[in-house]
Amino acid sequence: MTVLLGGIYELFQSDLDLGRLAVEQLRGEGLGPEVHVEDLHYGAVAIVQRLEELRPDTLVLVTAVRRDRPPGTVERRRLQPSRVDPSAFQAAVGDAVTGYVHIDLLLEVASGFGALPARTVAVEVEPERVGPGAELSGLVSAALEQALELVRAEVRRAPLLALADELRPLVTGDRLAESTVLATLRELLDELAGLDRDGRWGRAFALRDRLKLGIAEGGVSEGMDHRDWGLWWALIEELDRLEAVEASALPPRVR
């Protein structure tokens, strides 16, 4: 699957330059061949053209933006393509062609063109200082690493969430016979929907363990085929991998 990490920023405008600094650091981290790390500081219409060219499964945007939060606040937002009023969309495109850069403008234009990926996440930092300047303020400089870790987490989790999306239609309806294992898998998929929405693991690993035990005890559903087995085990193996990786990513004080 393809992931696009994009930094949105205003060049050398103090804290509003955070997206550029984030991209500079992420580019050197070897996040994988299908992870594209790019500057998205140009006009929204041109960015939409890039989205249409690349067609990423996941889009992660990192930026500093004023939303009246305490300075230095880091917020993850799961975004959905929205229905755009035609007159508002026309006005947004007009703003975009002037080169004006803002995450909200990009989301509005991309939604209007139908180019916003179904899975889009924004990692935002509230600026403390705006205006000409080459360095971040103290609060935002400290917040940058937290924002970067949220971005890395989105990359790590993208394959798991894609697997969950593929599995959901296969476990609805009456194609598979009801069983305790099938019920556990549905609970797990609901928990992963919460991870996608809120960024929190919840009971996912406990449900993974219950699913493993149920399979080992033979409590599977009649009607399962090779695709079902392959996706079920791929989901379990991806959770196993992520449990270790996520634990190692925690700062020492909370491990």
Protein backbone atom coordinates (compact mmCIF):
# COMPACT_ATOMS: atom_id res chain seq x y z
CA MET A 1 0.00 0.00 0.00
CA THR A 2 1.08 3.59 -0.57
CA VAL A 3 1.39 6.21 2.16
CA LEU A 4 1.99 9.91 1.52
CA LEU A 5 3.43 11.97 4.36
CA GLY A 6 3.09 15.65 3.58
CA GLY A 7 4.42 18.68 5.39
CA ILE A 8 2.33 21.86 5.04
CA TYR A 9 4.11 25.03 6.09
CA GLU A 10 4.86 28.69 5.56
CA LEU A 11 8.54 29.02 4.81
CA PHE A 12 10.57 30.83 7.49
CA GLN A 13 7.49 32.01 9.36
CA SER A 14 8.66 30.82 12.79
CA ASP A 15 6.38 28.07 14.15
CA LEU A 16 4.36 27.91 10.94
CA ASP A 17 7.48 26.40 9.33
CA LEU A 18 7.12 23.21 11.42
CA GLY A 19 5.86 21.08 8.50
CA ARG A 20 9.09 21.66 6.57
CA LEU A 21 11.26 20.66 9.52
CA ALA A 22 9.15 17.55 10.11
CA VAL A 23 9.56 16.45 6.49
CA GLU A 24 13.32 17.07 6.59
CA GLN A 25 13.67 14.70 9.52
CA LEU A 26 11.27 12.04 8.25
CA ARG A 27 12.98 11.83 4.86
CA GLY A 28 16.10 10.38 6.43
CA GLU A 29 14.37 7.68 8.48
CA GLY A 30 13.85 4.99 5.84
CA LEU A 31 10.15 4.53 6.50
CA GLY A 32 9.76 2.12 3.58
CA PRO A 33 9.67 2.06 -0.24
CA GLU A 34 5.93 2.72 -0.38
CA VAL A 35 6.10 5.72 1.97
CA HIS A 36 6.48 9.02 0.12
CA VAL A 37 7.66 11.97 2.23
CA GLU A 38 7.04 15.26 0.44
CA ASP A 39 6.75 19.01 0.88
CA LEU A 40 3.17 20.12 0.29
CA HIS A 41 3.67 23.84 0.68
CA TYR A 42 2.55 24.75 -2.84
CA GLY A 43 -0.95 25.51 -4.13
CA ALA A 44 -3.79 23.18 -3.18
CA VAL A 45 -4.78 22.50 -6.81
CA ALA A 46 -1.26 21.28 -7.59
CA ILE A 47 -1.34 19.10 -4.47
CA VAL A 48 -4.62 17.58 -5.66
CA GLN A 49 -2.94 16.75 -8.96
CA ARG A 50 -0.17 15.01 -7.01
CA LEU A 51 -2.77 13.03 -5.05
CA GLU A 52 -4.46 11.98 -8.28
CA GLU A 53 -1.10 10.90 -9.68
CA LEU A 54 0.06 8.96 -6.62
CA ARG A 55 -3.36 7.74 -5.35
CA PRO A 56 -2.12 6.97 -1.83
CA ASP A 57 -4.11 4.63 0.39
CA THR A 58 -3.21 6.78 3.40
CA LEU A 59 -2.43 10.50 3.58
CA VAL A 60 -0.78 11.93 6.70
CA LEU A 61 -0.42 15.71 6.93
CA VAL A 62 1.78 17.43 9.51
CA THR A 63 1.56 21.17 10.08
CA ALA A 64 1.39 23.99 12.58
CA VAL A 65 -1.97 25.75 12.48
CA ARG A 66 -3.74 28.28 14.69
CA ARG A 67 -6.92 26.91 16.29
CA ASP A 68 -6.97 28.76 19.63
CA ARG A 69 -5.47 25.83 21.55
CA PRO A 70 -2.70 26.31 24.15
CA PRO A 71 0.60 26.92 22.31
CA GLY A 72 2.54 23.71 21.81
CA THR A 73 -0.57 21.52 21.80
CA VAL A 74 -0.21 18.49 19.51
CA GLU A 75 -3.44 17.07 18.11
CA ARG A 76 -4.16 14.10 15.87
CA ARG A 77 -7.30 14.45 13.75
CA ARG A 78 -8.83 11.65 11.65
CA LEU A 79 -10.39 13.38 8.66
CA GLN A 80 -13.19 12.29 6.36
CA PRO A 81 -13.88 13.50 2.81
CA SER A 82 -16.68 16.04 3.11
CA ARG A 83 -19.43 17.22 0.81
CA VAL A 84 -18.44 20.67 -0.42
CA ASP A 85 -20.97 23.37 -1.31
CA PRO A 86 -20.37 24.30 -5.00
CA SER A 87 -20.04 28.03 -4.30
CA ALA A 88 -17.67 27.40 -1.37
CA PHE A 89 -15.66 25.00 -3.52
CA GLN A 90 -15.34 27.59 -6.30
CA ALA A 91 -14.13 30.17 -3.77
CA ALA A 92 -11.65 27.65 -2.32
CA VAL A 93 -10.22 26.90 -5.76
CA GLY A 94 -9.89 30.63 -6.35
CA ASP A 95 -7.88 30.97 -3.13
CA ALA A 96 -5.80 27.92 -4.03
CA VAL A 97 -4.65 29.18 -7.42
CA THR A 98 -3.15 32.24 -5.73
CA GLY A 99 -0.73 29.93 -3.93
CA TYR A 100 -2.28 30.40 -0.49
CA VAL A 101 -1.32 27.44 1.72
CA HIS A 102 -3.43 26.13 4.61
CA ILE A 103 -4.45 22.63 5.62
CA ASP A 104 -8.17 23.48 5.70
CA LEU A 105 -8.01 24.89 2.18
CA LEU A 106 -6.24 21.76 0.93
CA LEU A 107 -8.86 19.49 2.53
CA GLU A 108 -11.71 21.50 1.03
CA VAL A 109 -10.23 21.53 -2.47
CA ALA A 110 -9.22 17.84 -2.36
CA SER A 111 -12.69 16.85 -1.12
CA GLY A 112 -14.33 18.90 -3.86
CA PHE A 113 -12.27 17.17 -6.54
CA GLY A 114 -12.85 13.75 -4.97
CA ALA A 115 -9.09 13.29 -4.50
CA LEU A 116 -8.86 13.04 -0.72
CA PRO A 117 -7.88 9.49 0.31
CA ALA A 118 -10.47 7.66 2.40
CA ARG A 119 -7.89 7.42 5.19
CA THR A 120 -6.51 10.90 5.88
CA VAL A 121 -4.94 11.97 9.16
CA ALA A 122 -3.71 15.39 10.26
CA VAL A 123 -1.09 15.90 12.96
CA GLU A 124 -1.29 19.54 14.03
CA VAL A 125 0.74 21.68 16.41
CA GLU A 126 -0.59 24.93 17.84
CA PRO A 127 2.00 27.68 17.16
CA GLU A 128 3.30 30.02 19.81
CA ARG A 129 5.06 32.49 17.53
CA VAL A 130 4.19 33.43 13.94
CA GLY A 131 5.77 35.97 11.63
CA PRO A 132 9.20 36.12 10.01
CA GLY A 133 11.76 33.90 11.70
CA ALA A 134 13.99 30.92 10.97
CA GLU A 135 13.55 29.02 14.26
CA LEU A 136 10.70 27.44 16.15
CA SER A 137 9.68 28.77 19.53
CA GLY A 138 10.66 26.74 22.58
CA LEU A 139 7.22 25.21 23.10
CA VAL A 140 6.78 24.20 19.47
CA SER A 141 10.33 22.89 19.17
CA ALA A 142 9.56 20.56 22.08
CA ALA A 143 6.26 19.57 20.46
CA LEU A 144 7.91 18.66 17.15
CA GLU A 145 9.19 15.29 18.37
CA GLN A 146 5.77 14.37 19.73
CA ALA A 147 4.23 15.25 16.38
CA LEU A 148 6.86 13.16 14.56
CA GLU A 149 6.11 10.13 16.72
CA LEU A 150 2.41 10.43 15.92
CA VAL A 151 3.28 10.50 12.21
CA ARG A 152 5.53 7.44 12.57
CA ALA A 153 2.72 5.63 14.37
CA GLU A 154 0.36 6.30 11.47
CA VAL A 155 2.86 4.75 9.06
CA ARG A 156 3.35 1.69 11.29
CA ARG A 157 -0.39 1.10 11.64
CA ALA A 158 -1.46 1.71 8.04
CA PRO A 159 -1.05 -1.95 6.86
CA LEU A 160 -3.00 -3.24 9.87
CA LEU A 161 -5.87 -0.84 9.29
CA ALA A 162 -5.93 -1.77 5.60
CA LEU A 163 -6.23 -5.45 6.56
CA ALA A 164 -9.09 -4.61 8.90
CA ASP A 165 -10.88 -2.75 6.09
CA GLU A 166 -10.48 -5.78 3.84
CA LEU A 167 -11.83 -8.16 6.48
CA ARG A 168 -14.95 -6.25 7.54
CA PRO A 169 -17.15 -7.09 4.53
CA LEU A 170 -16.11 -10.74 4.82
CA VAL A 171 -17.46 -11.14 8.36
CA THR A 172 -20.82 -9.46 7.92
CA GLY A 173 -23.98 -11.20 6.82
CA ASP A 174 -24.46 -14.97 6.97
CA ARG A 175 -21.63 -16.19 4.72
CA LEU A 176 -19.82 -17.63 7.75
CA ALA A 177 -21.53 -19.66 10.47
CA GLU A 178 -21.79 -17.87 13.79
CA SER A 179 -19.15 -18.87 16.32
CA THR A 180 -17.38 -17.45 19.37
CA VAL A 181 -14.25 -16.93 17.28
CA LEU A 182 -16.16 -14.97 14.63
CA ALA A 183 -17.74 -12.85 17.36
CA THR A 184 -14.27 -12.15 18.78
CA LEU A 185 -12.95 -11.14 15.37
CA ARG A 186 -15.84 -8.71 14.93
CA GLU A 187 -15.06 -7.20 18.35
CA LEU A 188 -11.42 -6.88 17.33
CA LEU A 189 -12.35 -5.14 14.08
CA ASP A 190 -14.56 -2.72 16.02
CA GLU A 191 -11.61 -2.00 18.32
CA LEU A 192 -9.36 -1.34 15.32
CA ALA A 193 -11.97 1.07 13.97
CA GLY A 194 -11.54 2.92 17.27
CA LEU A 195 -7.76 2.89 16.80
CA ASP A 196 -8.22 4.44 13.37
CA ARG A 197 -10.66 7.04 14.71
CA ASP A 198 -9.00 7.95 18.02
CA GLY A 199 -5.42 6.70 17.76
CA ARG A 200 -5.77 4.46 20.86
CA TRP A 201 -5.27 0.70 21.03
CA GLY A 202 -7.93 -0.05 23.62
CA ARG A 203 -8.51 -3.83 23.97
CA ALA A 204 -7.03 -4.79 20.60
CA PHE A 205 -4.19 -6.94 21.92
CA ALA A 206 -6.37 -8.69 24.50
CA LEU A 207 -8.89 -9.52 21.77
CA ARG A 208 -6.05 -10.76 19.56
CA ASP A 209 -5.05 -13.18 22.34
CA ARG A 210 -8.65 -14.36 22.72
CA LEU A 211 -8.89 -14.88 18.95
CA LYS A 212 -5.70 -16.97 18.94
CA LEU A 213 -6.97 -19.12 21.81
CA GLY A 214 -10.33 -19.65 20.13
CA ILE A 215 -8.67 -20.78 16.90
CA ALA A 216 -6.33 -23.10 18.80
CA GLU A 217 -9.32 -24.69 20.53
CA GLY A 218 -11.00 -25.31 17.19
CA GLY A 219 -13.90 -22.90 17.61
CA VAL A 220 -13.84 -21.60 14.04
CA SER A 221 -16.72 -20.83 11.71
CA GLU A 222 -17.97 -23.15 9.01
CA GLY A 223 -17.67 -21.70 5.54
CA MET A 224 -14.17 -20.23 5.91
CA ASP A 225 -12.01 -20.47 2.79
CA HIS A 226 -8.32 -19.91 2.07
CA ARG A 227 -8.78 -16.17 1.75
CA ASP A 228 -10.46 -15.98 5.16
CA TRP A 229 -7.68 -17.97 6.81
CA GLY A 230 -5.00 -15.92 5.10
CA LEU A 231 -6.50 -12.59 6.18
CA TRP A 232 -7.26 -13.74 9.74
CA TRP A 233 -3.68 -14.89 10.26
CA ALA A 234 -2.24 -11.83 8.52
CA LEU A 235 -4.20 -9.66 10.96
CA ILE A 236 -2.93 -11.63 13.95
CA GLU A 237 0.68 -11.53 12.72
CA GLU A 238 0.49 -7.79 12.06
CA LEU A 239 -0.80 -7.24 15.60
CA ASP A 240 2.03 -9.39 16.95
CA ARG A 241 4.55 -7.28 15.05
CA LEU A 242 3.03 -4.00 16.12
CA GLU A 243 2.81 -4.95 19.79
CA ALA A 244 6.60 -5.24 19.94
CA VAL A 245 7.27 -2.19 17.78
CA GLU A 246 4.83 0.06 19.65
CA ALA A 247 6.30 -0.98 23.02
CA SER A 248 9.81 -0.09 21.87
CA ALA A 249 8.56 3.30 20.61
CA LEU A 250 7.30 4.35 24.04
CA PRO A 251 9.48 6.78 26.00
CA PRO A 252 11.27 5.06 28.92
CA ARG A 253 9.06 6.63 31.59
CA VAL A 254 5.89 5.01 30.24
CA ARG A 255 7.20 1.62 29.04
